[in-house]
Amino acid sequence: QVQLVESGGGLVQAGGSLKLSCAASGRTFSTYVMAWFRQAPGKEREFVSGISRSGGDTDYADSVKGRFTISRDNAKNMVYLQMNSLNAEDTAVYYCAADVELRRSPDLYEYWGQGTQVTVSS
């Protein structure tokens, strides 16, 4: 079992950057694949990015590819999402999630953080 806590959200102007962090509890962090999802008001939760157990494989939604970078530090039980060139469409609550397989469907992830708000002003 793993508990997840996100941080790093906030208000940023369009074109700016933010780095989200997700702290995981437990000694088995390296056995989980990690992912970031987001949910905007009135919209379904959507996949943003995912990373394999070792960090060697990553996946990105087309909407963030080339702008966002996911990374993890297994020694610190941390996963990060560096977000650059932000635009208004990136405004959402961002969630960190963990599971045993890297997939894009949020329904398949067992563990979730509480979310952190990202607001991009245009």
C-alpha atoms as a PDB file:
ATOM      1  CA  GLN A   1       0.000   0.000   0.000  1.00  0.00           C
ATOM      2  CA  VAL A   2       1.190   3.531  -0.710  1.00  0.00           C
ATOM      3  CA  GLN A   3       0.004   6.977   0.296  1.00  0.00           C
ATOM      4  CA  LEU A   4       0.531   9.931  -2.011  1.00  0.00           C
ATOM      5  CA  VAL A   5       0.724  13.658  -1.294  1.00  0.00           C
ATOM      6  CA  GLU A   6       1.016  16.229  -4.080  1.00  0.00           C
ATOM      7  CA  SER A   7       2.458  19.714  -3.784  1.00  0.00           C
ATOM      8  CA  GLY A   8       3.687  22.521  -5.977  1.00  0.00           C
ATOM      9  CA  GLY A   9       0.484  23.749  -7.544  1.00  0.00           C
ATOM     10  CA  GLY A  10      -0.416  27.392  -7.758  1.00  0.00           C
ATOM     11  CA  LEU A  11      -1.250  30.327  -9.978  1.00  0.00           C
ATOM     12  CA  VAL A  12       1.005  31.035 -12.937  1.00  0.00           C
ATOM     13  CA  GLN A  13       0.784  33.226 -16.014  1.00  0.00           C
ATOM     14  CA  ALA A  14       0.476  31.726 -19.452  1.00  0.00           C
ATOM     15  CA  GLY A  15       3.884  30.772 -20.754  1.00  0.00           C
ATOM     16  CA  GLY A  16       5.201  30.151 -17.278  1.00  0.00           C
ATOM     17  CA  SER A  17       6.374  27.010 -15.509  1.00  0.00           C
ATOM     18  CA  LEU A  18       5.541  24.974 -12.438  1.00  0.00           C
ATOM     19  CA  LYS A  19       7.002  21.834 -10.951  1.00  0.00           C
ATOM     20  CA  LEU A  20       4.670  19.453  -9.172  1.00  0.00           C
ATOM     21  CA  SER A  21       5.924  16.979  -6.614  1.00  0.00           C
ATOM     22  CA  CYS A  22       4.355  13.828  -5.258  1.00  0.00           C
ATOM     23  CA  ALA A  23       5.673  12.283  -2.056  1.00  0.00           C
ATOM     24  CA  ALA A  24       4.962   8.616  -1.510  1.00  0.00           C
ATOM     25  CA  SER A  25       4.993   6.722   1.741  1.00  0.00           C
ATOM     26  CA  GLY A  26       6.117   3.151   2.208  1.00  0.00           C
ATOM     27  CA  ARG A  27       9.174   1.137   1.343  1.00  0.00           C
ATOM     28  CA  THR A  28       7.721  -0.324  -1.839  1.00  0.00           C
ATOM     29  CA  PHE A  29       7.618   2.874  -3.905  1.00  0.00           C
ATOM     30  CA  SER A  30       9.967   1.481  -6.533  1.00  0.00           C
ATOM     31  CA  THR A  31       7.554  -1.377  -7.229  1.00  0.00           C
ATOM     32  CA  TYR A  32       4.880   1.008  -8.504  1.00  0.00           C
ATOM     33  CA  VAL A  33       4.521   2.765 -11.777  1.00  0.00           C
ATOM     34  CA  MET A  34       3.546   6.373 -11.247  1.00  0.00           C
ATOM     35  CA  ALA A  35       1.336   8.702 -13.212  1.00  0.00           C
ATOM     36  CA  TRP A  36      -0.086  12.191 -13.239  1.00  0.00           C
ATOM     37  CA  PHE A  37      -3.693  12.880 -14.127  1.00  0.00           C
ATOM     38  CA  ARG A  38      -5.659  16.098 -14.199  1.00  0.00           C
ATOM     39  CA  GLN A  39      -9.269  17.117 -13.965  1.00  0.00           C
ATOM     40  CA  ALA A  40     -10.661  20.433 -15.078  1.00  0.00           C
ATOM     41  CA  PRO A  41     -14.078  21.680 -13.908  1.00  0.00           C
ATOM     42  CA  GLY A  42     -16.861  19.864 -15.695  1.00  0.00           C
ATOM     43  CA  LYS A  43     -14.478  17.467 -17.404  1.00  0.00           C
ATOM     44  CA  GLU A  44     -13.411  13.895 -16.837  1.00  0.00           C
ATOM     45  CA  ARG A  45     -10.122  13.046 -15.244  1.00  0.00           C
ATOM     46  CA  GLU A  46      -7.493  12.615 -17.949  1.00  0.00           C
ATOM     47  CA  PHE A  47      -4.074  11.066 -18.221  1.00  0.00           C
ATOM     48  CA  VAL A  48      -1.157  13.498 -18.374  1.00  0.00           C
ATOM     49  CA  SER A  49       1.991  11.438 -18.003  1.00  0.00           C
ATOM     50  CA  GLY A  50       3.329   8.184 -16.592  1.00  0.00           C
ATOM     51  CA  ILE A  51       6.670   6.683 -15.684  1.00  0.00           C
ATOM     52  CA  SER A  52       7.881   3.135 -15.234  1.00  0.00           C
ATOM     53  CA  ARG A  53       9.307   1.691 -12.022  1.00  0.00           C
ATOM     54  CA  SER A  54      12.887   2.426 -12.982  1.00  0.00           C
ATOM     55  CA  GLY A  55      12.111   5.707 -14.691  1.00  0.00           C
ATOM     56  CA  GLY A  56      13.422   4.389 -17.969  1.00  0.00           C
ATOM     57  CA  ASP A  57      10.101   4.535 -19.771  1.00  0.00           C
ATOM     58  CA  THR A  58       7.742   7.467 -19.898  1.00  0.00           C
ATOM     59  CA  ASP A  59       4.444   8.265 -21.563  1.00  0.00           C
ATOM     60  CA  TYR A  60       2.792  11.595 -22.287  1.00  0.00           C
ATOM     61  CA  ALA A  61      -0.564  12.758 -23.480  1.00  0.00           C
ATOM     62  CA  ASP A  62      -0.314  14.476 -26.848  1.00  0.00           C
ATOM     63  CA  SER A  63      -1.536  17.720 -25.301  1.00  0.00           C
ATOM     64  CA  VAL A  64       1.517  17.989 -23.025  1.00  0.00           C
ATOM     65  CA  LYS A  65       4.206  16.241 -25.049  1.00  0.00           C
ATOM     66  CA  GLY A  66       7.239  18.466 -25.428  1.00  0.00           C
ATOM     67  CA  ARG A  67       6.117  20.774 -22.615  1.00  0.00           C
ATOM     68  CA  PHE A  68       5.887  18.497 -19.568  1.00  0.00           C
ATOM     69  CA  THR A  69       8.528  16.169 -18.160  1.00  0.00           C
ATOM     70  CA  ILE A  70       7.904  13.420 -15.641  1.00  0.00           C
ATOM     71  CA  SER A  71      10.667  12.046 -13.437  1.00  0.00           C
ATOM     72  CA  ARG A  72      11.074  10.042 -10.268  1.00  0.00           C
ATOM     73  CA  ASP A  73      13.610   9.572  -7.501  1.00  0.00           C
ATOM     74  CA  ASN A  74      13.175   6.142  -5.956  1.00  0.00           C
ATOM     75  CA  ALA A  75      15.676   6.898  -3.200  1.00  0.00           C
ATOM     76  CA  LYS A  76      13.464   9.771  -2.035  1.00  0.00           C
ATOM     77  CA  ASN A  77      10.092   8.196  -2.848  1.00  0.00           C
ATOM     78  CA  MET A  78       9.274  11.157  -5.064  1.00  0.00           C
ATOM     79  CA  VAL A  79       7.787  11.711  -8.493  1.00  0.00           C
ATOM     80  CA  TYR A  80       7.807  15.057 -10.262  1.00  0.00           C
ATOM     81  CA  LEU A  81       6.078  16.797 -13.122  1.00  0.00           C
ATOM     82  CA  GLN A  82       7.916  19.719 -14.657  1.00  0.00           C
ATOM     83  CA  MET A  83       5.426  21.815 -16.608  1.00  0.00           C
ATOM     84  CA  ASN A  84       6.651  24.433 -19.060  1.00  0.00           C
ATOM     85  CA  SER A  85       4.913  26.718 -21.538  1.00  0.00           C
ATOM     86  CA  LEU A  86       1.705  26.502 -19.572  1.00  0.00           C
ATOM     87  CA  ASN A  87      -1.530  27.705 -21.095  1.00  0.00           C
ATOM     88  CA  ALA A  88      -5.066  28.204 -19.870  1.00  0.00           C
ATOM     89  CA  GLU A  89      -6.063  24.726 -21.023  1.00  0.00           C
ATOM     90  CA  ASP A  90      -3.656  23.258 -18.455  1.00  0.00           C
ATOM     91  CA  THR A  91      -5.760  24.662 -15.612  1.00  0.00           C
ATOM     92  CA  ALA A  92      -6.959  21.731 -13.529  1.00  0.00           C
ATOM     93  CA  VAL A  93      -6.502  19.793 -10.342  1.00  0.00           C
ATOM     94  CA  TYR A  94      -3.493  17.546 -10.823  1.00  0.00           C
ATOM     95  CA  TYR A  95      -3.401  14.137  -9.197  1.00  0.00           C
ATOM     96  CA  CYS A  96      -0.598  11.711  -8.583  1.00  0.00           C
ATOM     97  CA  ALA A  97      -1.457   8.026  -8.920  1.00  0.00           C
ATOM     98  CA  ALA A  98       0.268   4.686  -8.415  1.00  0.00           C
ATOM     99  CA  ASP A  99      -0.363   1.183  -9.642  1.00  0.00           C
ATOM    100  CA  VAL A 100       1.411  -1.906 -10.878  1.00  0.00           C
ATOM    101  CA  GLU A 101       1.019  -1.255 -14.598  1.00  0.00           C
ATOM    102  CA  LEU A 102       1.469   1.900 -16.636  1.00  0.00           C
ATOM    103  CA  ARG A 103      -1.844   2.632 -18.269  1.00  0.00           C
ATOM    104  CA  ARG A 104      -3.779   5.704 -19.311  1.00  0.00           C
ATOM    105  CA  SER A 105      -7.159   4.936 -17.816  1.00  0.00           C
ATOM    106  CA  PRO A 106      -7.695   6.512 -14.391  1.00  0.00           C
ATOM    107  CA  ASP A 107     -10.167   3.762 -13.495  1.00  0.00           C
ATOM    108  CA  LEU A 108      -7.302   1.275 -13.384  1.00  0.00           C
ATOM    109  CA  TYR A 109      -5.210   3.091 -10.776  1.00  0.00           C
ATOM    110  CA  GLU A 110      -5.586   1.980  -7.189  1.00  0.00           C
ATOM    111  CA  TYR A 111      -3.776   4.704  -5.249  1.00  0.00           C
ATOM    112  CA  TRP A 112      -4.366   8.446  -5.491  1.00  0.00           C
ATOM    113  CA  GLY A 113      -3.250  11.640  -3.877  1.00  0.00           C
ATOM    114  CA  GLN A 114      -5.599  14.415  -2.852  1.00  0.00           C
ATOM    115  CA  GLY A 115      -4.677  16.650  -5.785  1.00  0.00           C
ATOM    116  CA  THR A 116      -3.085  20.056  -6.208  1.00  0.00           C
ATOM    117  CA  GLN A 117      -4.651  22.976  -8.058  1.00  0.00           C
ATOM    118  CA  VAL A 118      -2.882  24.488 -11.051  1.00  0.00           C
ATOM    119  CA  THR A 119      -4.337  27.693 -12.441  1.00  0.00           C
ATOM    120  CA  VAL A 120      -2.927  29.344 -15.538  1.00  0.00           C
ATOM    121  CA  SER A 121      -3.982  32.908 -16.173  1.00  0.00           C
ATOM    122  CA  SER A 122      -4.098  34.174 -19.721  1.00  0.00           C
END
